Amino acid sequence: MHHELVSRALAYVSCFSTASLLMTSMAIAAINVGRTPSLCAPHACVAGIVIGKDGQYGALESPAQIDALAAKLWSAKA
């Protein structure tokens, strides 16, 4: 009987703890929704390179420019 009571109490505490963590994370997510965007707002900043939204590929117009950017990004990653 005593073990059942302790087990049930631990189950309630665990459930309450899980629910409170869920509510806390949802509150934090709700607060972060209204925040202003990062410093790179209208552009994408990757490894110090800013790519504007001029077209489908930004200001990149030829495959050679895309290859050069890809090589620079991969070298920055290594």
N, C-alpha and C. Protein backbone atom coordinates (compact mmCIF):
# COMPACT_ATOMS: atom_id res chain seq x y z
N MET A 1 0.83 -1.20 0.00
CA MET A 1 0.00 0.00 0.00
C MET A 1 0.86 1.26 0.00
N HIS A 2 1.90 1.27 0.85
CA HIS A 2 2.76 2.43 0.93
C HIS A 2 3.51 2.66 -0.39
N HIS A 3 3.92 1.57 -1.04
CA HIS A 3 4.64 1.69 -2.31
C HIS A 3 3.73 2.23 -3.42
N GLU A 4 2.48 1.84 -3.39
CA GLU A 4 1.53 2.36 -4.37
C GLU A 4 1.36 3.86 -4.21
N LEU A 5 1.29 4.33 -3.00
CA LEU A 5 1.12 5.76 -2.73
C LEU A 5 2.33 6.54 -3.21
N VAL A 6 3.52 6.03 -2.91
CA VAL A 6 4.75 6.71 -3.35
C VAL A 6 4.84 6.69 -4.87
N SER A 7 4.53 5.56 -5.48
CA SER A 7 4.57 5.45 -6.93
C SER A 7 3.59 6.41 -7.60
N ARG A 8 2.38 6.49 -7.06
CA ARG A 8 1.38 7.39 -7.62
C ARG A 8 1.80 8.85 -7.45
N ALA A 9 2.38 9.19 -6.31
CA ALA A 9 2.86 10.56 -6.07
C ALA A 9 3.96 10.92 -7.05
N LEU A 10 4.89 9.99 -7.28
CA LEU A 10 5.96 10.25 -8.26
C LEU A 10 5.40 10.40 -9.67
N ALA A 11 4.38 9.65 -10.01
CA ALA A 11 3.77 9.77 -11.33
C ALA A 11 3.12 11.15 -11.50
N TYR A 12 2.42 11.62 -10.45
CA TYR A 12 1.81 12.94 -10.53
C TYR A 12 2.87 14.04 -10.63
N VAL A 13 3.93 13.92 -9.86
CA VAL A 13 5.01 14.92 -9.92
C VAL A 13 5.65 14.92 -11.30
N SER A 14 5.88 13.75 -11.86
CA SER A 14 6.47 13.66 -13.19
C SER A 14 5.56 14.28 -14.24
N CYS A 15 4.28 13.99 -14.15
CA CYS A 15 3.31 14.56 -15.11
C CYS A 15 3.25 16.08 -14.98
N PHE A 16 3.22 16.57 -13.75
CA PHE A 16 3.17 18.01 -13.53
C PHE A 16 4.45 18.68 -14.04
N SER A 17 5.59 18.05 -13.83
CA SER A 17 6.86 18.60 -14.30
C SER A 17 6.89 18.66 -15.82
N THR A 18 6.43 17.61 -16.47
CA THR A 18 6.40 17.59 -17.94
C THR A 18 5.46 18.66 -18.47
N ALA A 19 4.31 18.81 -17.88
CA ALA A 19 3.36 19.82 -18.32
C ALA A 19 3.91 21.23 -18.12
N SER A 20 4.59 21.47 -17.01
CA SER A 20 5.14 22.80 -16.77
C SER A 20 6.28 23.11 -17.74
N LEU A 21 7.11 22.11 -18.07
CA LEU A 21 8.16 22.34 -19.06
C LEU A 21 7.57 22.63 -20.44
N LEU A 22 6.51 21.93 -20.78
CA LEU A 22 5.85 22.18 -22.07
C LEU A 22 5.28 23.60 -22.11
N MET A 23 4.62 24.02 -21.04
CA MET A 23 4.05 25.37 -21.01
C MET A 23 5.15 26.44 -21.06
N THR A 24 6.26 26.19 -20.38
CA THR A 24 7.36 27.14 -20.41
C THR A 24 7.94 27.27 -21.81
N SER A 25 8.15 26.13 -22.48
CA SER A 25 8.71 26.19 -23.84
C SER A 25 7.75 26.86 -24.80
N MET A 26 6.46 26.64 -24.63
CA MET A 26 5.49 27.30 -25.50
C MET A 26 5.45 28.80 -25.25
N ALA A 27 5.60 29.21 -24.00
CA ALA A 27 5.62 30.64 -23.69
C ALA A 27 6.85 31.29 -24.29
N ILE A 28 7.99 30.63 -24.21
CA ILE A 28 9.21 31.19 -24.79
C ILE A 28 9.08 31.27 -26.31
N ALA A 29 8.51 30.25 -26.93
CA ALA A 29 8.30 30.28 -28.38
C ALA A 29 7.35 31.41 -28.77
N ALA A 30 6.32 31.65 -27.98
CA ALA A 30 5.38 32.72 -28.28
C ALA A 30 6.05 34.09 -28.17
N ILE A 31 6.95 34.23 -27.22
CA ILE A 31 7.68 35.50 -27.07
C ILE A 31 8.61 35.71 -28.26
N ASN A 32 9.29 34.65 -28.71
CA ASN A 32 10.26 34.78 -29.80
C ASN A 32 9.60 35.02 -31.15
N VAL A 33 8.31 34.74 -31.29
CA VAL A 33 7.63 34.96 -32.56
C VAL A 33 7.62 36.44 -32.93
N GLY A 34 7.45 37.32 -31.97
CA GLY A 34 7.36 38.74 -32.25
C GLY A 34 8.68 39.47 -32.31
N ARG A 35 9.76 38.77 -32.17
CA ARG A 35 11.08 39.44 -32.18
C ARG A 35 11.44 39.93 -33.57
N THR A 36 12.28 40.94 -33.61
CA THR A 36 12.75 41.47 -34.89
C THR A 36 13.73 40.48 -35.50
N PRO A 37 13.85 40.48 -36.81
CA PRO A 37 14.79 39.56 -37.46
C PRO A 37 16.24 39.92 -37.15
N SER A 38 17.13 39.05 -37.53
CA SER A 38 18.55 39.26 -37.26
C SER A 38 19.11 40.42 -38.08
N LEU A 39 20.39 40.67 -37.93
CA LEU A 39 21.03 41.78 -38.63
C LEU A 39 21.05 41.57 -40.14
N CYS A 40 20.90 40.36 -40.59
CA CYS A 40 20.93 40.05 -42.02
C CYS A 40 19.51 40.00 -42.59
N ALA A 41 18.61 40.77 -42.03
CA ALA A 41 17.17 40.64 -42.31
C ALA A 41 16.80 40.41 -43.77
N PRO A 42 17.00 41.36 -44.69
CA PRO A 42 16.53 41.10 -46.05
C PRO A 42 17.47 40.21 -46.85
N HIS A 43 18.63 39.91 -46.35
CA HIS A 43 19.62 39.12 -47.08
C HIS A 43 19.98 37.87 -46.28
N ALA A 44 20.64 36.97 -46.93
CA ALA A 44 21.14 35.78 -46.25
C ALA A 44 22.64 35.96 -46.03
N CYS A 45 23.09 35.92 -44.79
CA CYS A 45 24.51 36.06 -44.47
C CYS A 45 25.11 34.67 -44.25
N VAL A 46 26.06 34.33 -45.06
CA VAL A 46 26.73 33.04 -44.92
C VAL A 46 28.22 33.27 -45.02
N ALA A 47 28.94 32.96 -43.95
CA ALA A 47 30.40 33.06 -43.91
C ALA A 47 30.89 34.43 -44.39
N GLY A 48 30.21 35.47 -43.99
CA GLY A 48 30.65 36.82 -44.34
C GLY A 48 30.24 37.26 -45.73
N ILE A 49 29.44 36.49 -46.42
CA ILE A 49 29.01 36.84 -47.78
C ILE A 49 27.53 37.18 -47.72
N VAL A 50 27.16 38.32 -48.29
CA VAL A 50 25.77 38.72 -48.32
C VAL A 50 25.23 38.50 -49.72
N ILE A 51 24.15 37.74 -49.82
CA ILE A 51 23.52 37.47 -51.11
C ILE A 51 22.18 38.18 -51.13
N GLY A 52 22.00 39.11 -52.05
CA GLY A 52 20.75 39.86 -52.14
C GLY A 52 19.66 39.04 -52.79
N LYS A 53 18.43 39.52 -52.70
CA LYS A 53 17.29 38.83 -53.29
C LYS A 53 16.96 39.44 -54.65
N ASP A 54 17.90 39.41 -55.58
CA ASP A 54 17.67 40.02 -56.87
C ASP A 54 16.96 39.09 -57.85
N GLY A 55 17.12 37.82 -57.69
CA GLY A 55 16.49 36.85 -58.58
C GLY A 55 16.45 35.52 -57.88
N GLN A 56 16.31 34.47 -58.69
CA GLN A 56 16.23 33.15 -58.10
C GLN A 56 17.52 32.81 -57.36
N TYR A 57 18.66 33.23 -57.92
CA TYR A 57 19.94 32.95 -57.29
C TYR A 57 20.60 34.22 -56.77
N GLY A 58 19.81 35.23 -56.42
CA GLY A 58 20.38 36.49 -55.94
C GLY A 58 21.01 37.24 -57.10
N ALA A 59 22.19 37.77 -56.89
CA ALA A 59 22.89 38.51 -57.95
C ALA A 59 23.72 37.60 -58.82
N LEU A 60 23.68 36.30 -58.58
CA LEU A 60 24.46 35.35 -59.36
C LEU A 60 23.73 35.07 -60.67
N GLU A 61 24.41 35.33 -61.79
CA GLU A 61 23.75 35.20 -63.07
C GLU A 61 24.27 34.05 -63.92
N SER A 62 25.48 33.57 -63.64
CA SER A 62 26.03 32.50 -64.46
C SER A 62 26.44 31.32 -63.60
N PRO A 63 26.52 30.15 -64.20
CA PRO A 63 26.97 28.97 -63.44
C PRO A 63 28.39 29.15 -62.89
N ALA A 64 29.23 29.91 -63.57
CA ALA A 64 30.59 30.14 -63.09
C ALA A 64 30.57 30.91 -61.77
N GLN A 65 29.67 31.89 -61.65
CA GLN A 65 29.57 32.64 -60.40
C GLN A 65 29.07 31.74 -59.27
N ILE A 66 28.12 30.87 -59.58
CA ILE A 66 27.60 29.94 -58.57
C ILE A 66 28.69 28.97 -58.13
N ASP A 67 29.48 28.47 -59.09
CA ASP A 67 30.58 27.56 -58.75
C ASP A 67 31.63 28.25 -57.89
N ALA A 68 31.94 29.52 -58.20
CA ALA A 68 32.93 30.26 -57.42
C ALA A 68 32.43 30.49 -55.99
N LEU A 69 31.16 30.81 -55.86
CA LEU A 69 30.58 31.00 -54.52
C LEU A 69 30.57 29.69 -53.75
N ALA A 70 30.21 28.60 -54.41
CA ALA A 70 30.19 27.29 -53.75
C ALA A 70 31.59 26.91 -53.29
N ALA A 71 32.60 27.16 -54.11
CA ALA A 71 33.98 26.85 -53.71
C ALA A 71 34.41 27.68 -52.52
N LYS A 72 34.02 28.96 -52.50
CA LYS A 72 34.38 29.83 -51.37
C LYS A 72 33.69 29.36 -50.09
N LEU A 73 32.41 28.99 -50.19
CA LEU A 73 31.69 28.52 -49.01
C LEU A 73 32.26 27.20 -48.50
N TRP A 74 32.59 26.28 -49.39
CA TRP A 74 33.15 25.00 -48.94
C TRP A 74 34.53 25.19 -48.33
N SER A 75 35.32 26.13 -48.86
CA SER A 75 36.64 26.36 -48.25
C SER A 75 36.50 27.02 -46.89
N ALA A 76 35.47 27.84 -46.69
CA ALA A 76 35.24 28.47 -45.39
C ALA A 76 34.75 27.44 -44.38
N LYS A 77 34.06 26.40 -44.86
CA LYS A 77 33.53 25.37 -43.97
C LYS A 77 34.65 24.47 -43.45
N ALA A 78 35.65 24.25 -44.26
CA ALA A 78 36.76 23.33 -43.88
C ALA A 78 37.69 23.92 -42.86
